[in-house]
Each structure stands twice: as C-alpha cells, then as structure tokens.
PDB file of N, CA and C in Angstrom:
ATOM      1  N   MET A   1       3.601  -5.095 -14.632  1.00  0.00           N
ATOM      2  CA  MET A   1       3.694  -5.815 -13.085  1.00  0.00           C
ATOM      3  C   MET A   1       2.584  -4.562 -12.528  1.00  0.00           C
ATOM      4  N   ASN A   2       1.173  -5.845 -12.301  1.00  0.00           N
ATOM      5  CA  ASN A   2       0.387  -4.550 -11.974  1.00  0.00           C
ATOM      6  C   ASN A   2      -0.048  -3.900 -10.578  1.00  0.00           C
ATOM      7  N   ILE A   3      -0.145  -2.132 -10.485  1.00  0.00           N
ATOM      8  CA  ILE A   3       0.266  -1.723  -9.183  1.00  0.00           C
ATOM      9  C   ILE A   3      -1.497  -0.898  -8.877  1.00  0.00           C
ATOM     10  N   ALA A   4      -1.321  -0.985  -7.616  1.00  0.00           N
ATOM     11  CA  ALA A   4      -2.577  -0.574  -6.678  1.00  0.00           C
ATOM     12  C   ALA A   4      -1.542   0.358  -6.221  1.00  0.00           C
ATOM     13  N   LEU A   5      -2.531   1.799  -6.383  1.00  0.00           N
ATOM     14  CA  LEU A   5      -1.804   2.704  -5.682  1.00  0.00           C
ATOM     15  C   LEU A   5      -2.999   3.371  -4.501  1.00  0.00           C
ATOM     16  N   ILE A   6      -2.446   3.341  -3.230  1.00  0.00           N
ATOM     17  CA  ILE A   6      -3.132   3.750  -2.242  1.00  0.00           C
ATOM     18  C   ILE A   6      -2.779   4.994  -1.809  1.00  0.00           C
ATOM     19  N   GLY A   7      -3.668   5.901  -2.323  1.00  0.00           N
ATOM     20  CA  GLY A   7      -2.895   7.352  -2.154  1.00  0.00           C
ATOM     21  C   GLY A   7      -2.735   8.120  -3.277  1.00  0.00           C
ATOM     22  N   TYR A   8      -3.278   8.723  -3.432  1.00  0.00           N
ATOM     23  CA  TYR A   8      -3.605   9.564  -4.984  1.00  0.00           C
ATOM     24  C   TYR A   8      -3.856  10.875  -4.473  1.00  0.00           C
ATOM     25  N   GLY A   9      -2.246  12.092  -3.725  1.00  0.00           N
ATOM     26  CA  GLY A   9      -1.951  12.815  -3.910  1.00  0.00           C
ATOM     27  C   GLY A   9      -0.348  13.149  -5.044  1.00  0.00           C
ATOM     28  N   LYS A  10       0.194  13.559  -4.237  1.00  0.00           N
ATOM     29  CA  LYS A  10       1.718  13.931  -5.038  1.00  0.00           C
ATOM     30  C   LYS A  10       2.024  12.707  -4.860  1.00  0.00           C
ATOM     31  N   MET A  11       2.781  12.225  -4.060  1.00  0.00           N
ATOM     32  CA  MET A  11       3.366  11.435  -4.063  1.00  0.00           C
ATOM     33  C   MET A  11       2.985  10.082  -4.955  1.00  0.00           C
ATOM     34  N   GLY A  12       1.675   9.679  -5.157  1.00  0.00           N
ATOM     35  CA  GLY A  12       0.901   8.905  -6.241  1.00  0.00           C
ATOM     36  C   GLY A  12       0.407   9.843  -6.951  1.00  0.00           C
ATOM     37  N   GLN A  13       0.313  10.189  -7.938  1.00  0.00           N
ATOM     38  CA  GLN A  13       1.047  10.592  -9.104  1.00  0.00           C
ATOM     39  C   GLN A  13       1.915  10.326 -10.065  1.00  0.00           C
ATOM     40  N   ALA A  14       3.299  10.878  -8.857  1.00  0.00           N
ATOM     41  CA  ALA A  14       3.774  11.391  -9.450  1.00  0.00           C
ATOM     42  C   ALA A  14       4.413   9.232  -9.287  1.00  0.00           C
ATOM     43  N   ILE A  15       4.127   8.631  -9.155  1.00  0.00           N
ATOM     44  CA  ILE A  15       4.076   7.285  -8.861  1.00  0.00           C
ATOM     45  C   ILE A  15       3.550   6.651 -10.123  1.00  0.00           C
ATOM     46  N   GLU A  16       2.193   6.551 -10.122  1.00  0.00           N
ATOM     47  CA  GLU A  16       1.904   6.575 -10.941  1.00  0.00           C
ATOM     48  C   GLU A  16       2.404   7.293 -12.866  1.00  0.00           C
ATOM     49  N   ASP A  17       2.688   8.320 -12.482  1.00  0.00           N
ATOM     50  CA  ASP A  17       3.657   9.200 -13.429  1.00  0.00           C
ATOM     51  C   ASP A  17       4.920   8.309 -14.324  1.00  0.00           C
ATOM     52  N   ILE A  18       5.918   7.855 -13.137  1.00  0.00           N
ATOM     53  CA  ILE A  18       6.784   6.996 -13.575  1.00  0.00           C
ATOM     54  C   ILE A  18       6.305   5.706 -13.948  1.00  0.00           C
ATOM     55  N   ALA A  19       5.168   4.713 -12.931  1.00  0.00           N
ATOM     56  CA  ALA A  19       4.963   3.745 -13.533  1.00  0.00           C
ATOM     57  C   ALA A  19       4.411   3.167 -15.024  1.00  0.00           C
ATOM     58  N   LEU A  20       4.006   3.824 -14.716  1.00  0.00           N
ATOM     59  CA  LEU A  20       3.227   4.147 -16.669  1.00  0.00           C
ATOM     60  C   LEU A  20       4.110   4.096 -17.788  1.00  0.00           C
ATOM     61  N   LYS A  21       5.369   4.805 -17.484  1.00  0.00           N
ATOM     62  CA  LYS A  21       6.040   5.064 -17.776  1.00  0.00           C
ATOM     63  C   LYS A  21       7.434   3.538 -18.405  1.00  0.00           C
ATOM     64  N   ARG A  22       7.108   3.660 -17.516  1.00  0.00           N
ATOM     65  CA  ARG A  22       7.879   1.958 -17.786  1.00  0.00           C
ATOM     66  C   ARG A  22       7.103   0.778 -18.097  1.00  0.00           C
ATOM     67  N   GLY A  23       5.905   0.961 -18.484  1.00  0.00           N
ATOM     68  CA  GLY A  23       5.460  -0.106 -18.524  1.00  0.00           C
ATOM     69  C   GLY A  23       4.580  -1.210 -17.797  1.00  0.00           C
ATOM     70  N   HIS A  24       4.252  -0.246 -16.421  1.00  0.00           N
ATOM     71  CA  HIS A  24       3.390  -0.756 -15.564  1.00  0.00           C
ATOM     72  C   HIS A  24       2.156  -0.295 -16.091  1.00  0.00           C
ATOM     73  N   ILE A  25       1.310  -0.752 -15.142  1.00  0.00           N
ATOM     74  CA  ILE A  25      -0.073  -1.458 -15.199  1.00  0.00           C
ATOM     75  C   ILE A  25      -0.224  -0.774 -13.715  1.00  0.00           C
ATOM     76  N   ILE A  26      -1.527   0.795 -13.715  1.00  0.00           N
ATOM     77  CA  ILE A  26      -2.065   1.520 -12.695  1.00  0.00           C
ATOM     78  C   ILE A  26      -3.374   0.569 -12.600  1.00  0.00           C
ATOM     79  N   THR A  27      -4.194  -0.801 -11.914  1.00  0.00           N
ATOM     80  CA  THR A  27      -5.051  -1.696 -10.944  1.00  0.00           C
ATOM     81  C   THR A  27      -5.903  -0.731 -10.682  1.00  0.00           C
ATOM     82  N   CYS A  28      -5.986   0.351  -9.300  1.00  0.00           N
ATOM     83  CA  CYS A  28      -6.663   1.289  -8.422  1.00  0.00           C
ATOM     84  C   CYS A  28      -6.131   2.284  -7.624  1.00  0.00           C
ATOM     85  N   LYS A  29      -6.415   3.554  -7.909  1.00  0.00           N
ATOM     86  CA  LYS A  29      -6.042   4.668  -7.142  1.00  0.00           C
ATOM     87  C   LYS A  29      -7.288   4.433  -6.454  1.00  0.00           C
ATOM     88  N   ILE A  30      -7.078   4.775  -4.950  1.00  0.00           N
ATOM     89  CA  ILE A  30      -7.192   4.578  -3.107  1.00  0.00           C
ATOM     90  C   ILE A  30      -6.630   6.001  -2.945  1.00  0.00           C
ATOM     91  N   SER A  31      -8.001   6.960  -3.003  1.00  0.00           N
ATOM     92  CA  SER A  31      -8.017   8.524  -2.324  1.00  0.00           C
ATOM     93  C   SER A  31      -9.346   9.058  -1.345  1.00  0.00           C
ATOM     94  N   SER A  32      -9.198   9.398  -0.660  1.00  0.00           N
ATOM     95  CA  SER A  32     -10.275   9.899   0.090  1.00  0.00           C
ATOM     96  C   SER A  32     -11.468  10.109  -0.294  1.00  0.00           C
ATOM     97  N   ARG A  33     -10.949   9.757  -1.426  1.00  0.00           N
ATOM     98  CA  ARG A  33     -12.830  10.657  -2.472  1.00  0.00           C
ATOM     99  C   ARG A  33     -12.751   9.333  -2.673  1.00  0.00           C
ATOM    100  N   ASN A  34     -12.099   8.020  -3.115  1.00  0.00           N
ATOM    101  CA  ASN A  34     -13.621   6.805  -2.816  1.00  0.00           C
ATOM    102  C   ASN A  34     -12.751   5.722  -2.582  1.00  0.00           C
ATOM    103  N   LEU A  35     -13.067   6.527  -1.229  1.00  0.00           N
ATOM    104  CA  LEU A  35     -11.976   5.319  -0.064  1.00  0.00           C
ATOM    105  C   LEU A  35     -12.971   3.587   0.601  1.00  0.00           C
ATOM    106  N   GLN A  36     -14.696   3.740  -0.550  1.00  0.00           N
ATOM    107  CA  GLN A  36     -15.587   2.996  -0.849  1.00  0.00           C
ATOM    108  C   GLN A  36     -14.907   1.709  -0.732  1.00  0.00           C
ATOM    109  N   ASP A  37     -13.982   2.824  -2.588  1.00  0.00           N
ATOM    110  CA  ASP A  37     -13.670   1.339  -3.138  1.00  0.00           C
ATOM    111  C   ASP A  37     -11.970   0.466  -3.036  1.00  0.00           C
ATOM    112  N   PHE A  38     -12.125   0.587  -1.727  1.00  0.00           N
ATOM    113  CA  PHE A  38     -10.943   0.329  -1.390  1.00  0.00           C
ATOM    114  C   PHE A  38     -11.470  -0.700  -0.813  1.00  0.00           C
ATOM    115  N   ASN A  39     -11.127  -1.997  -1.492  1.00  0.00           N
ATOM    116  CA  ASN A  39     -11.700  -3.652  -1.020  1.00  0.00           C
ATOM    117  C   ASN A  39     -11.088  -4.946  -1.502  1.00  0.00           C
ATOM    118  N   PRO A  40     -11.126  -6.321  -0.914  1.00  0.00           N
ATOM    119  CA  PRO A  40     -10.149  -7.008  -1.797  1.00  0.00           C
ATOM    120  C   PRO A  40     -10.874  -7.848  -3.292  1.00  0.00           C
ATOM    121  N   ARG A  41     -12.155  -6.644  -3.360  1.00  0.00           N
ATOM    122  CA  ARG A  41     -12.136  -7.460  -4.874  1.00  0.00           C
ATOM    123  C   ARG A  41     -11.409  -6.476  -5.938  1.00  0.00           C
ATOM    124  N   VAL A  42     -11.188  -5.115  -5.704  1.00  0.00           N
ATOM    125  CA  VAL A  42     -10.293  -4.429  -6.337  1.00  0.00           C
ATOM    126  C   VAL A  42      -8.650  -4.548  -6.108  1.00  0.00           C
ATOM    127  N   LEU A  43      -7.856  -5.663  -4.666  1.00  0.00           N
ATOM    128  CA  LEU A  43      -7.066  -5.438  -4.911  1.00  0.00           C
ATOM    129  C   LEU A  43      -6.603  -6.599  -5.412  1.00  0.00           C
ATOM    130  N   GLN A  44      -7.774  -7.569  -6.206  1.00  0.00           N
ATOM    131  CA  GLN A  44      -7.266  -8.850  -6.510  1.00  0.00           C
ATOM    132  C   GLN A  44      -5.985  -8.454  -7.972  1.00  0.00           C
ATOM    133  N   TRP A  45      -6.473  -7.324  -8.290  1.00  0.00           N
ATOM    134  CA  TRP A  45      -5.475  -7.548  -9.463  1.00  0.00           C
ATOM    135  C   TRP A  45      -4.454  -6.838 -10.153  1.00  0.00           C
ATOM    136  N   ALA A  46      -4.105  -6.581  -8.220  1.00  0.00           N
ATOM    137  CA  ALA A  46      -3.042  -6.008  -8.369  1.00  0.00           C
ATOM    138  C   ALA A  46      -1.798  -6.841  -7.993  1.00  0.00           C
ATOM    139  N   ASP A  47      -0.179  -7.175  -8.328  1.00  0.00           N
ATOM    140  CA  ASP A  47       0.870  -7.617  -8.001  1.00  0.00           C
ATOM    141  C   ASP A  47       1.539  -7.389  -6.728  1.00  0.00           C
ATOM    142  N   VAL A  48       1.556  -6.034  -6.598  1.00  0.00           N
ATOM    143  CA  VAL A  48       1.976  -4.848  -5.301  1.00  0.00           C
ATOM    144  C   VAL A  48       1.297  -3.977  -5.334  1.00  0.00           C
ATOM    145  N   ALA A  49       0.822  -3.621  -4.080  1.00  0.00           N
ATOM    146  CA  ALA A  49       0.315  -1.864  -3.504  1.00  0.00           C
ATOM    147  C   ALA A  49       1.521  -0.739  -3.124  1.00  0.00           C
ATOM    148  N   ILE A  50       0.749  -0.092  -3.472  1.00  0.00           N
ATOM    149  CA  ILE A  50       1.569   1.095  -3.046  1.00  0.00           C
ATOM    150  C   ILE A  50       1.369   2.369  -2.409  1.00  0.00           C
ATOM    151  N   GLU A  51       1.992   2.260  -1.504  1.00  0.00           N
ATOM    152  CA  GLU A  51       0.769   3.277   0.751  1.00  0.00           C
ATOM    153  C   GLU A  51       1.547   4.394   0.333  1.00  0.00           C
ATOM    154  N   PHE A  52       1.351   5.614   0.112  1.00  0.00           N
ATOM    155  CA  PHE A  52       1.277   6.524   0.751  1.00  0.00           C
ATOM    156  C   PHE A  52       0.020   7.562   0.872  1.00  0.00           C
ATOM    157  N   SER A  53       0.004   7.664   1.661  1.00  0.00           N
ATOM    158  CA  SER A  53      -1.528   7.952   2.065  1.00  0.00           C
ATOM    159  C   SER A  53      -1.519   9.035   4.067  1.00  0.00           C
ATOM    160  N   THR A  54      -2.027   8.233   4.262  1.00  0.00           N
ATOM    161  CA  THR A  54      -1.613   8.870   5.795  1.00  0.00           C
ATOM    162  C   THR A  54      -1.609   8.404   7.231  1.00  0.00           C
ATOM    163  N   PRO A  55      -0.559   9.045   8.276  1.00  0.00           N
ATOM    164  CA  PRO A  55      -0.060   8.254   8.890  1.00  0.00           C
ATOM    165  C   PRO A  55      -2.403   7.234  10.146  1.00  0.00           C
ATOM    166  N   GLU A  56      -3.134   8.704  10.190  1.00  0.00           N
ATOM    167  CA  GLU A  56      -4.352   8.275  10.175  1.00  0.00           C
ATOM    168  C   GLU A  56      -4.811   6.563   9.998  1.00  0.00           C
ATOM    169  N   SER A  57      -4.866   7.169   8.437  1.00  0.00           N
ATOM    170  CA  SER A  57      -5.635   5.578   7.584  1.00  0.00           C
ATOM    171  C   SER A  57      -3.456   4.211   6.864  1.00  0.00           C
ATOM    172  N   ALA A  58      -3.245   4.857   7.520  1.00  0.00           N
ATOM    173  CA  ALA A  58      -1.314   4.327   6.506  1.00  0.00           C
ATOM    174  C   ALA A  58      -1.747   2.390   7.242  1.00  0.00           C
ATOM    175  N   PHE A  59      -1.969   2.305   8.642  1.00  0.00           N
ATOM    176  CA  PHE A  59      -1.649   0.729   9.415  1.00  0.00           C
ATOM    177  C   PHE A  59      -3.211  -0.073   9.094  1.00  0.00           C
ATOM    178  N   ALA A  60      -4.171   0.688   8.583  1.00  0.00           N
ATOM    179  CA  ALA A  60      -5.479   0.297   7.801  1.00  0.00           C
ATOM    180  C   ALA A  60      -5.121  -0.301   6.912  1.00  0.00           C
ATOM    181  N   ASN A  61      -5.018   0.332   5.973  1.00  0.00           N
ATOM    182  CA  ASN A  61      -4.301   0.163   4.230  1.00  0.00           C
ATOM    183  C   ASN A  61      -3.521  -0.726   3.487  1.00  0.00           C
ATOM    184  N   ILE A  62      -1.998  -1.032   5.119  1.00  0.00           N
ATOM    185  CA  ILE A  62      -1.563  -1.908   5.337  1.00  0.00           C
ATOM    186  C   ILE A  62      -2.193  -3.012   5.186  1.00  0.00           C
ATOM    187  N   SER A  63      -2.807  -3.184   6.413  1.00  0.00           N
ATOM    188  CA  SER A  63      -2.700  -4.424   7.402  1.00  0.00           C
ATOM    189  C   SER A  63      -4.198  -4.923   5.898  1.00  0.00           C
ATOM    190  N   GLN A  64      -4.991  -4.177   5.651  1.00  0.00           N
ATOM    191  CA  GLN A  64      -6.103  -4.842   4.100  1.00  0.00           C
ATOM    192  C   GLN A  64      -5.093  -5.541   3.537  1.00  0.00           C
ATOM    193  N   CYS A  65      -4.162  -4.440   2.503  1.00  0.00           N
ATOM    194  CA  CYS A  65      -3.452  -5.393   1.736  1.00  0.00           C
ATOM    195  C   CYS A  65      -2.529  -6.593   2.186  1.00  0.00           C
ATOM    196  N   LEU A  66      -2.448  -6.313   3.291  1.00  0.00           N
ATOM    197  CA  LEU A  66      -1.102  -8.483   3.929  1.00  0.00           C
ATOM    198  C   LEU A  66      -2.308  -9.299   4.239  1.00  0.00           C
ATOM    199  N   GLU A  67      -3.958  -8.709   4.549  1.00  0.00           N
ATOM    200  CA  GLU A  67      -4.843  -9.440   4.774  1.00  0.00           C
ATOM    201  C   GLU A  67      -5.537 -10.569   3.979  1.00  0.00           C
ATOM    202  N   VAL A  68      -5.246  -9.900   1.931  1.00  0.00           N
ATOM    203  CA  VAL A  68      -5.095 -10.570   1.206  1.00  0.00           C
ATOM    204  C   VAL A  68      -4.350 -10.656   0.328  1.00  0.00           C
ATOM    205  N   GLY A  69      -3.024 -11.115   0.849  1.00  0.00           N
ATOM    206  CA  GLY A  69      -2.052 -11.064   0.096  1.00  0.00           C
ATOM    207  C   GLY A  69      -1.814 -10.563  -0.516  1.00  0.00           C
ATOM    208  N   ILE A  70      -1.368  -9.218  -0.406  1.00  0.00           N
ATOM    209  CA  ILE A  70      -0.901  -8.313  -1.507  1.00  0.00           C
ATOM    210  C   ILE A  70      -0.350  -8.000  -0.373  1.00  0.00           C
ATOM    211  N   PRO A  71       1.390  -8.261  -1.614  1.00  0.00           N
ATOM    212  CA  PRO A  71       3.037  -7.021  -0.921  1.00  0.00           C
ATOM    213  C   PRO A  71       2.211  -5.652  -1.252  1.00  0.00           C
ATOM    214  N   VAL A  72       3.377  -5.182   0.324  1.00  0.00           N
ATOM    215  CA  VAL A  72       2.563  -3.404  -0.153  1.00  0.00           C
ATOM    216  C   VAL A  72       3.858  -3.006   0.395  1.00  0.00           C
ATOM    217  N   ILE A  73       3.773  -1.742  -0.343  1.00  0.00           N
ATOM    218  CA  ILE A  73       5.632  -0.895   0.244  1.00  0.00           C
ATOM    219  C   ILE A  73       4.458   0.191   0.320  1.00  0.00           C
ATOM    220  N   SER A  74       5.401   0.963   1.908  1.00  0.00           N
ATOM    221  CA  SER A  74       5.003   2.369   2.116  1.00  0.00           C
ATOM    222  C   SER A  74       5.538   3.069   1.759  1.00  0.00           C
ATOM    223  N   GLY A  75       5.464   4.232   2.034  1.00  0.00           N
ATOM    224  CA  GLY A  75       6.144   5.743   2.448  1.00  0.00           C
ATOM    225  C   GLY A  75       5.456   6.614   2.782  1.00  0.00           C
ATOM    226  N   THR A  76       4.108   5.658   3.327  1.00  0.00           N
ATOM    227  CA  THR A  76       3.433   7.037   4.981  1.00  0.00           C
ATOM    228  C   THR A  76       4.471   6.698   5.870  1.00  0.00           C
ATOM    229  N   THR A  77       4.595   8.358   6.827  1.00  0.00           N
ATOM    230  CA  THR A  77       5.788   8.220   7.671  1.00  0.00           C
ATOM    231  C   THR A  77       4.185   8.813   9.124  1.00  0.00           C
ATOM    232  N   GLY A  78       4.982   8.807   9.642  1.00  0.00           N
ATOM    233  CA  GLY A  78       3.866   8.513  11.324  1.00  0.00           C
ATOM    234  C   GLY A  78       3.057   8.107  11.612  1.00  0.00           C
ATOM    235  N   TRP A  79       2.988   6.232  10.992  1.00  0.00           N
ATOM    236  CA  TRP A  79       2.536   5.716  11.717  1.00  0.00           C
ATOM    237  C   TRP A  79       3.259   4.142  12.322  1.00  0.00           C
ATOM    238  N   LEU A  80       4.201   4.667  12.261  1.00  0.00           N
ATOM    239  CA  LEU A  80       5.464   3.576  13.303  1.00  0.00           C
ATOM    240  C   LEU A  80       5.391   2.910  14.646  1.00  0.00           C
ATOM    241  N   ASN A  81       3.956   3.851  15.309  1.00  0.00           N
ATOM    242  CA  ASN A  81       3.381   3.599  16.602  1.00  0.00           C
ATOM    243  C   ASN A  81       2.644   2.561  16.202  1.00  0.00           C
ATOM    244  N   LYS A  82       2.625   1.502  15.212  1.00  0.00           N
ATOM    245  CA  LYS A  82       2.225   0.090  15.270  1.00  0.00           C
ATOM    246  C   LYS A  82       2.782  -0.599  14.180  1.00  0.00           C
ATOM    247  N   MET A  83       3.594  -0.576  13.705  1.00  0.00           N
ATOM    248  CA  MET A  83       4.857  -1.393  12.783  1.00  0.00           C
ATOM    249  C   MET A  83       4.420  -3.028  13.500  1.00  0.00           C
ATOM    250  N   ASP A  84       4.730  -2.785  15.078  1.00  0.00           N
ATOM    251  CA  ASP A  84       4.733  -4.158  15.471  1.00  0.00           C
ATOM    252  C   ASP A  84       3.474  -4.795  14.788  1.00  0.00           C
ATOM    253  N   GLU A  85       2.749  -4.553  14.961  1.00  0.00           N
ATOM    254  CA  GLU A  85       1.570  -4.962  14.956  1.00  0.00           C
ATOM    255  C   GLU A  85       1.365  -5.574  13.293  1.00  0.00           C
ATOM    256  N   ILE A  86       2.048  -4.909  12.669  1.00  0.00           N
ATOM    257  CA  ILE A  86       2.312  -5.208  11.265  1.00  0.00           C
ATOM    258  C   ILE A  86       2.923  -6.279  10.870  1.00  0.00           C
ATOM    259  N   VAL A  87       4.044  -5.885  11.415  1.00  0.00           N
ATOM    260  CA  VAL A  87       5.379  -7.072  11.838  1.00  0.00           C
ATOM    261  C   VAL A  87       4.686  -9.066  12.099  1.00  0.00           C
ATOM    262  N   ASP A  88       3.699  -8.607  13.429  1.00  0.00           N
ATOM    263  CA  ASP A  88       2.911 -10.010  13.311  1.00  0.00           C
ATOM    264  C   ASP A  88       2.335 -10.167  12.138  1.00  0.00           C
ATOM    265  N   LEU A  89       1.102  -9.323  12.037  1.00  0.00           N
ATOM    266  CA  LEU A  89       0.547  -9.810  11.350  1.00  0.00           C
ATOM    267  C   LEU A  89       1.127 -10.116   9.958  1.00  0.00           C
ATOM    268  N   CYS A  90       2.156  -9.805   8.988  1.00  0.00           N
ATOM    269  CA  CYS A  90       3.651 -10.694   8.350  1.00  0.00           C
ATOM    270  C   CYS A  90       3.383 -11.964   8.429  1.00  0.00           C
ATOM    271  N   HIS A  91       4.097 -11.896   9.933  1.00  0.00           N
ATOM    272  CA  HIS A  91       4.667 -13.676  10.651  1.00  0.00           C
ATOM    273  C   HIS A  91       3.013 -13.565  10.499  1.00  0.00           C
ATOM    274  N   LYS A  92       1.605 -14.049  11.022  1.00  0.00           N
ATOM    275  CA  LYS A  92       1.196 -14.350  10.670  1.00  0.00           C
ATOM    276  C   LYS A  92       0.422 -14.894   9.785  1.00  0.00           C
ATOM    277  N   LYS A  93       0.689 -14.420   8.337  1.00  0.00           N
ATOM    278  CA  LYS A  93       0.196 -14.745   7.237  1.00  0.00           C
ATOM    279  C   LYS A  93       1.541 -14.689   6.577  1.00  0.00           C
ATOM    280  N   LYS A  94       2.702 -15.764   6.704  1.00  0.00           N
ATOM    281  CA  LYS A  94       3.873 -16.265   6.802  1.00  0.00           C
ATOM    282  C   LYS A  94       4.252 -14.836   5.059  1.00  0.00           C
ATOM    283  N   ARG A  95       4.160 -13.630   5.393  1.00  0.00           N
ATOM    284  CA  ARG A  95       5.383 -13.204   4.018  1.00  0.00           C
ATOM    285  C   ARG A  95       5.873 -12.484   4.861  1.00  0.00           C
ATOM    286  N   HIS A  96       6.690 -11.089   4.203  1.00  0.00           N
ATOM    287  CA  HIS A  96       8.095 -11.069   4.725  1.00  0.00           C
ATOM    288  C   HIS A  96       7.795  -9.108   4.831  1.00  0.00           C
ATOM    289  N   PHE A  97       8.661  -9.604   5.609  1.00  0.00           N
ATOM    290  CA  PHE A  97       8.699  -7.426   6.290  1.00  0.00           C
ATOM    291  C   PHE A  97      10.032  -7.490   6.325  1.00  0.00           C
ATOM    292  N   SER A  98      10.578  -6.415   5.611  1.00  0.00           N
ATOM    293  CA  SER A  98      11.304  -5.626   5.552  1.00  0.00           C
ATOM    294  C   SER A  98      11.342  -4.069   6.120  1.00  0.00           C
ATOM    295  N   THR A  99      12.169  -3.553   6.688  1.00  0.00           N
ATOM    296  CA  THR A  99      12.064  -2.651   6.672  1.00  0.00           C
ATOM    297  C   THR A  99      13.462  -1.295   6.192  1.00  0.00           C
ATOM    298  N   ARG A 100      13.662  -0.241   5.662  1.00  0.00           N
ATOM    299  CA  ARG A 100      14.763   0.491   5.381  1.00  0.00           C
ATOM    300  C   ARG A 100      14.515   1.780   5.911  1.00  0.00           C
ATOM    301  N   HIS A 101      14.106   2.185   6.935  1.00  0.00           N
ATOM    302  CA  HIS A 101      14.187   2.814   7.397  1.00  0.00           C
ATOM    303  C   HIS A 101      14.883   3.565   8.635  1.00  0.00           C
ATOM    304  N   LYS A 102      15.370   4.590   8.974  1.00  0.00           N
ATOM    305  CA  LYS A 102      16.208   4.863  10.081  1.00  0.00           C
ATOM    306  C   LYS A 102      15.457   5.683  10.940  1.00  0.00           C
ATOM    307  N   PHE A 103      16.075   4.684  12.077  1.00  0.00           N
ATOM    308  CA  PHE A 103      15.864   5.770  13.614  1.00  0.00           C
ATOM    309  C   PHE A 103      16.612   6.801  14.108  1.00  0.00           C
TER     310      PHE A 103
END
C-alpha cells in the first residue's frame, strides 16, 4: 500500500517504521518543515493518508485529502469541534466516515 504521512513527529516516524517493515511504501512525509509540498499532486501517489499532526492543522489536512479522494486516517486529538464539517464533506464527496473514538 502507498501511504502519505501527514505529520512526521514521533508518531509519524513510528508509523513509517512499521509500514516499511510490512512492505508498504511511504509516498510522502509532510511536516511543518515542508508544508509547501502538501498538495494534490503529491497526494495522487497515495492509496491512503495517515494524519498525526496538530489540532490546529488537522481539519485542513483531512479536508485536503478528502477533496482529492484520498482516504485518511487521523490520530490527531483536539480537533473534534470540526468533526461535523468533516462528516459533511465525506457525504458531499460520497465517502464513508467512521469513528472509533469514545466521548
């Protein structure tokens, strides 16, 4: 599987290590140092995006992935005040939305 990593801190690096050991390919690694590289052209090579960023950037990151049709898994906490907007975007793009968190 081709994976885009959005957020390349400790969790992003741990995910990369596990993914590579399992034979997956990391198509891009986006961090605060290379945000200018986060665009639809870079995402086109990914089958899925795994997002572990910050509460301030998670909504925009997830939205951008959904806009270009890339499924996204987010482990970022603290952005759930905008979850209804993400659910609406999923419906608009005819994408499935699932949550496994507990309130």
